[in-house]
Each structure stands twice: as structure tokens, then as C-alpha cells.
Amino acid sequence: MVVFDKPHALTDVPMHYCPGCTHGIIHRLVAEVIDELGIEGRTIGIAPVGCSVLAYNYFNCDMIEAAHGRAPAVATGVKRADPANHVVFTYQGDGDLASIGMAETVHAAARNENITIIFINNAIYGMTGGQMAPTSLPGQVTQTSPYGRDPKLCGYPIKVCEMLSELEGPEYLERVTVNSVKAVKNAKRAIKKAFQNQLDGKGFSLIEVLSACPTNWGMTPQAALKWIDDKMIPYYPLGVYKDRSEGIVK
């Protein structure tokens, strides 16, 4: 009896991610949703610069490489070119989406572009060596904040879901994590809803996933998962921040 099978939308190749990184979990959830909705042949993913830069190796759907931070702009163009037939998603990290790409993120949300954004928040720049990111926590030690992030010098972390929920445009915003079985199941539910919203023509959906980066956090994989519970979730509470169809706005 088959109890586990690889999603067809996920390629059968080794991933380049570090041990304990949760990108692989999130990739699988996206691929499972694509399979279950039967949209692989219609789906186009946009991967910008960051740890997800090689995502085109891992998904069987069409993929486009975007310049750093520009994935929402590229996704907008792709979706508008053939809105009836294309299902378009971006897969972005915090350094990409919340820093160099913040303008593209905000304006795509304000226009309620009918795209799906998967936003990976691991509170650090992963690919480039562990520098402080826009989402790094107060006091968090990084390569560029060796004494901990000081809000007096660097400002406070950007809470993307909370900020975007203030806009009229977005259809659906939710923050999830993947550091436990229950959390993984909830994350898949949210990702599937975000894709379904696009199929239903409802507009802009963003799922923020609190993710572990054991290498750049200087932790074991087990400790990194616990750090999400102990440090990240208190600062970045999980939950739905906006769901127009349900009348929810936090």
C-alpha cells in the first residue's frame, strides 16, 4: 500500500537547501496544491533572487526568473497577458519581498492583482550569508548586527501581513508556519485557499510562512523549529489578517 508519494508538480531532483531548512516542506505543499487543483499545465511560477533562486529546478510547471524584488511586477504582467488561462504565483523570501521588492509588493496588493504570493519569512538574509533582514527581530544577532538588532539604529521589523491588511486592495492575507505537523497541515490549507482565490478571480492573496534557517541562525534544526515558537510567533502572530470573503480584517 502506498502511504507516501511525491507530488507530480515537484521534480525528482535533490534540493540545494541546507539541512533543517523548511523551504523543502513549503515547496512540497505548493506542489501538492497544484496537483490537487489540477492546474500544473496552466501554472507559471516566478522565482526571484534569494534562497529560492533555483526554484525552477524543483517545480514541473513553467517558471520565470525575476530580478531581485521584482517578482510581483513580473507576475502582474504574466497574469494580465492571459488572465483566463494562467495561474501565477511568486515564491519570495523576506529580503526580496520586504526590502528591495517592497514597492512591488505593496502596489500589487493595492491593485488587488489576481496573483498568489508565497512569502517565506525566516528573519534573515539566507543566500548571501546571514545579514540582517527587514524582518529580523529586535535583538537578533546576524552578520550585520553582531550585538543584536537595535531598533534605534535599524528601525523595527516590518510586519508584512499587518501592513498590507491596511490596504483596500488585498483579498486574502494569512500568516502560517511549518514547524510542526499541525502547522504544516494548516499552512497547506492556507496555500490552497490562496490558489483557489485566484481561480475564482477574487484577487491578491499572500501567505506568509514563518520558516527556519538553522545555518544562518547558528542553531541545530531542532532548536531552530523551537525558536520559531519561542521568538518568531510572539512577534509575528499567526492567523488570518484579511479575508474579504469572510469579512475578516485585523
Protein backbone atom coordinates (compact mmCIF):
# COMPACT_ATOMS: atom_id res chain seq x y z
CA MET A 1 0.00 0.00 0.00
CA VAL A 2 1.35 3.43 -0.97
CA VAL A 3 1.41 5.73 2.05
CA PHE A 4 3.62 8.44 0.59
CA ASP A 5 4.05 9.69 -2.96
CA LYS A 6 5.88 12.61 -4.48
CA PRO A 7 3.61 15.27 -5.98
CA HIS A 8 3.81 15.29 -9.77
CA ALA A 9 4.31 19.07 -9.71
CA LEU A 10 7.56 18.55 -7.75
CA THR A 11 10.58 17.39 -9.73
CA ASP A 12 12.62 14.38 -8.62
CA VAL A 13 15.94 16.14 -8.01
CA PRO A 14 18.00 16.85 -4.86
CA MET A 15 17.37 20.30 -3.39
CA HIS A 16 20.20 22.69 -2.61
CA TYR A 17 18.75 23.89 0.69
CA CYS A 18 20.69 23.50 3.94
CA PRO A 19 19.82 20.68 6.39
CA GLY A 20 16.86 21.72 8.52
CA CYS A 21 15.72 24.45 6.14
CA THR A 22 11.95 24.40 5.76
CA HIS A 23 11.88 25.58 2.13
CA GLY A 24 11.55 21.95 1.08
CA ILE A 25 8.41 21.48 3.15
CA ILE A 26 6.83 24.58 1.64
CA HIS A 27 7.81 23.53 -1.89
CA ARG A 28 6.01 20.25 -1.34
CA LEU A 29 2.88 21.99 -0.06
CA VAL A 30 2.76 24.24 -3.12
CA ALA A 31 3.26 21.21 -5.39
CA GLU A 32 0.53 19.23 -3.59
CA VAL A 33 -1.90 22.12 -4.05
CA ILE A 34 -1.06 22.40 -7.76
CA ASP A 35 -1.70 18.66 -8.15
CA GLU A 36 -4.95 18.69 -6.20
CA LEU A 37 -6.33 21.66 -8.14
CA GLY A 38 -5.26 20.10 -11.46
CA ILE A 39 -3.51 23.27 -12.66
CA GLU A 40 0.06 22.17 -13.39
CA GLY A 41 -0.27 22.81 -17.14
CA ARG A 42 -1.66 26.31 -16.50
CA THR A 43 0.64 27.39 -13.68
CA ILE A 44 3.56 29.80 -14.01
CA GLY A 45 5.82 30.38 -11.01
CA ILE A 46 8.02 33.43 -10.54
CA ALA A 47 11.24 32.94 -8.56
CA PRO A 48 13.45 35.96 -7.84
CA VAL A 49 16.89 36.21 -6.23
CA GLY A 50 17.41 34.61 -2.82
CA CYS A 51 17.44 31.07 -1.50
CA SER A 52 14.54 30.36 -3.87
CA VAL A 53 16.60 31.42 -6.90
CA LEU A 54 16.81 27.79 -8.08
CA ALA A 55 13.10 27.02 -7.58
CA TYR A 56 12.78 26.50 -11.33
CA ASN A 57 14.64 23.21 -10.77
CA TYR A 58 12.03 21.94 -8.33
CA PHE A 59 8.63 22.63 -9.90
CA ASN A 60 7.32 20.88 -13.01
CA CYS A 61 5.24 23.90 -14.00
CA ASP A 62 6.64 26.73 -16.13
CA MET A 63 8.95 29.03 -14.17
CA ILE A 64 10.33 32.53 -14.80
CA GLU A 65 13.38 34.04 -13.09
CA ALA A 66 12.76 37.63 -11.95
CA ALA A 67 15.21 40.31 -10.92
CA HIS A 68 15.66 40.76 -7.17
CA GLY A 69 12.39 42.01 -5.68
CA ARG A 70 10.54 42.29 -8.98
CA ALA A 71 8.52 39.05 -8.86
CA PRO A 72 5.14 40.74 -8.20
CA ALA A 73 5.69 43.05 -11.17
CA VAL A 74 6.61 40.12 -13.43
CA ALA A 75 3.67 38.11 -12.10
CA THR A 76 1.35 41.04 -12.83
CA GLY A 77 2.48 41.16 -16.45
CA VAL A 78 2.18 37.40 -16.93
CA LYS A 79 -1.29 37.26 -15.37
CA ARG A 80 -2.63 40.23 -17.30
CA ALA A 81 -1.31 38.83 -20.58
CA ASP A 82 -3.65 35.83 -20.37
CA PRO A 83 -5.77 36.07 -17.23
CA ALA A 84 -8.23 33.34 -18.17
CA ASN A 85 -5.65 30.60 -18.68
CA HIS A 86 -2.68 31.39 -16.43
CA VAL A 87 -2.38 30.64 -12.72
CA VAL A 88 0.54 32.72 -11.47
CA PHE A 89 2.39 32.53 -8.16
CA THR A 90 5.54 34.08 -6.76
CA TYR A 91 7.82 32.41 -4.23
CA GLN A 92 9.83 35.04 -2.32
CA GLY A 93 11.97 35.43 0.77
CA ASP A 94 11.89 38.30 3.25
CA GLY A 95 14.99 40.06 1.94
CA ASP A 96 13.45 40.01 -1.52
CA LEU A 97 9.81 40.79 -0.79
CA ALA A 98 10.10 43.07 2.24
CA SER A 99 13.22 45.01 1.23
CA ILE A 100 14.16 45.62 -2.40
CA GLY A 101 10.75 44.41 -3.57
CA MET A 102 8.55 46.18 -1.04
CA ALA A 103 7.19 48.70 -3.56
CA GLU A 104 6.22 45.94 -6.00
CA THR A 105 4.53 44.02 -3.17
CA VAL A 106 2.55 47.00 -1.87
CA HIS A 107 1.35 48.20 -5.25
CA ALA A 108 0.39 44.72 -6.48
CA ALA A 109 -1.65 44.36 -3.29
CA ALA A 110 -3.16 47.84 -3.63
CA ARG A 111 -4.28 46.98 -7.18
CA ASN A 112 -5.64 43.64 -5.97
CA GLU A 113 -3.79 41.85 -8.76
CA ASN A 114 -5.20 38.35 -9.18
CA ILE A 115 -1.97 36.56 -8.24
CA THR A 116 -0.79 34.35 -5.38
CA ILE A 117 2.31 35.21 -3.34
CA ILE A 118 4.11 32.70 -1.12
CA PHE A 119 6.25 34.77 1.24
CA ILE A 120 8.96 32.96 3.22
CA ASN A 121 9.90 34.85 6.39
CA ASN A 122 12.98 33.40 8.11
CA ALA A 123 14.04 36.74 9.59
CA ILE A 124 17.43 36.79 7.87
CA TYR A 125 19.16 37.03 4.51
CA GLY A 126 19.88 33.37 3.80
CA MET A 127 21.59 33.06 0.42
CA THR A 128 24.06 35.92 0.91
CA GLY A 129 25.44 34.91 4.28
CA GLY A 130 23.12 35.80 7.15
CA GLN A 131 22.81 39.58 7.15
CA MET A 132 20.04 41.39 8.99
CA ALA A 133 16.79 41.40 7.01
CA PRO A 134 13.80 43.75 7.20
CA THR A 135 12.09 41.07 9.30
CA SER A 136 14.98 40.31 11.70
CA LEU A 137 13.74 40.54 15.28
CA PRO A 138 14.80 43.21 17.79
CA GLY A 139 17.94 41.93 19.49
CA GLN A 140 18.51 39.24 16.85
CA VAL A 141 22.19 38.58 16.17
CA THR A 142 23.11 38.48 12.48
CA GLN A 143 26.28 39.01 10.46
CA THR A 144 25.50 42.73 10.21
CA SER A 145 24.06 43.10 13.71
CA PRO A 146 26.61 41.20 15.83
CA TYR A 147 25.32 42.84 19.02
CA GLY A 148 21.69 42.27 18.10
CA ARG A 149 19.30 44.37 16.04
CA ASP A 150 18.92 47.77 17.66
CA PRO A 151 15.64 49.44 16.65
CA LYS A 152 17.15 52.85 17.46
CA LEU A 153 19.70 52.34 14.71
CA CYS A 154 17.93 49.99 12.30
CA GLY A 155 14.24 50.56 12.87
CA TYR A 156 11.72 47.90 13.76
CA PRO A 157 10.97 44.73 11.79
CA ILE A 158 8.36 45.03 9.05
CA LYS A 159 5.17 43.08 9.71
CA VAL A 160 4.04 42.45 6.15
CA CYS A 161 0.59 40.96 6.79
CA GLU A 162 -0.32 43.67 9.27
CA MET A 163 0.84 46.40 6.90
CA LEU A 164 -0.92 45.05 3.81
CA SER A 165 -4.14 44.50 5.75
CA GLU A 166 -4.48 48.29 5.99
CA LEU A 167 -4.85 48.50 2.20
CA GLU A 168 -8.24 48.33 0.48
CA GLY A 169 -7.00 46.02 -2.25
CA PRO A 170 -5.90 42.61 -0.93
CA GLU A 171 -8.35 39.73 -0.93
CA TYR A 172 -6.61 37.35 1.47
CA LEU A 173 -3.63 37.59 3.86
CA GLU A 174 -2.62 34.87 6.30
CA ARG A 175 0.49 34.06 8.34
CA VAL A 176 1.33 30.41 8.99
CA THR A 177 4.35 28.30 9.89
CA VAL A 178 5.62 24.76 9.23
CA ASN A 179 7.44 23.78 12.43
CA SER A 180 5.01 21.00 13.44
CA VAL A 181 2.68 18.52 11.76
CA LYS A 182 -0.38 20.54 12.76
CA ALA A 183 1.22 23.74 11.46
CA VAL A 184 2.14 22.10 8.15
CA LYS A 185 -1.46 20.98 7.61
CA ASN A 186 -2.71 24.49 8.37
CA ALA A 187 -0.14 26.01 6.01
CA LYS A 188 -1.34 23.76 3.19
CA ARG A 189 -4.94 24.80 3.81
CA ALA A 190 -3.95 28.46 3.55
CA ILE A 191 -1.87 27.95 0.39
CA LYS A 192 -4.69 26.04 -1.27
CA LYS A 193 -7.17 28.79 -0.42
CA ALA A 194 -4.80 31.38 -1.90
CA PHE A 195 -4.61 29.47 -5.18
CA GLN A 196 -8.37 28.85 -5.20
CA ASN A 197 -8.98 32.58 -4.73
CA GLN A 198 -7.03 33.19 -7.92
CA LEU A 199 -9.00 30.54 -9.80
CA ASP A 200 -12.19 32.21 -8.57
CA GLY A 201 -10.96 35.62 -9.75
CA LYS A 202 -11.02 37.13 -6.27
CA GLY A 203 -7.65 38.88 -6.42
CA PHE A 204 -4.44 39.28 -4.45
CA SER A 205 -3.60 36.57 -1.91
CA LEU A 206 -0.41 36.43 0.17
CA ILE A 207 0.58 33.61 2.50
CA GLU A 208 3.43 34.46 4.88
CA VAL A 209 5.22 31.36 6.15
CA LEU A 210 7.47 31.64 9.22
CA SER A 211 10.40 29.47 8.23
CA ALA A 212 13.58 28.13 9.85
CA CYS A 213 17.15 28.98 8.79
CA PRO A 214 19.34 26.85 11.09
CA THR A 215 22.58 27.63 9.22
CA ASN A 216 22.38 31.40 9.49
CA TRP A 217 20.70 31.36 12.87
CA GLY A 218 23.60 29.23 14.16
CA MET A 219 21.27 26.55 15.53
CA THR A 220 20.52 22.88 15.16
CA PRO A 221 17.41 22.11 13.07
CA GLN A 222 15.52 21.12 16.24
CA ALA A 223 16.49 24.32 18.04
CA ALA A 224 15.50 26.39 15.01
CA LEU A 225 12.00 24.92 14.97
CA LYS A 226 11.64 25.72 18.66
CA TRP A 227 12.95 29.26 18.06
CA ILE A 228 10.01 29.84 15.72
CA ASP A 229 7.64 29.03 18.61
CA ASP A 230 9.61 30.90 21.27
CA LYS A 231 10.67 34.03 19.37
CA MET A 232 9.09 34.45 15.96
CA ILE A 233 5.45 33.66 16.64
CA PRO A 234 5.20 36.04 19.64
CA TYR A 235 6.45 38.85 17.38
CA TYR A 236 4.67 37.67 14.24
CA PRO A 237 1.36 36.18 15.43
CA LEU A 238 -0.16 33.52 13.24
CA GLY A 239 -3.62 33.86 11.72
CA VAL A 240 -5.77 35.44 9.05
CA TYR A 241 -5.13 39.17 8.68
CA LYS A 242 -7.57 39.81 5.90
CA ASP A 243 -10.15 37.66 4.14
CA ARG A 244 -12.60 39.75 2.18
CA SER A 245 -14.94 36.82 1.52
CA GLU A 246 -15.22 36.16 5.26
CA GLY A 247 -15.33 39.82 6.25
CA ILE A 248 -12.12 39.49 8.32
CA VAL A 249 -9.76 42.45 8.73
CA LYS A 250 -7.34 42.62 11.66
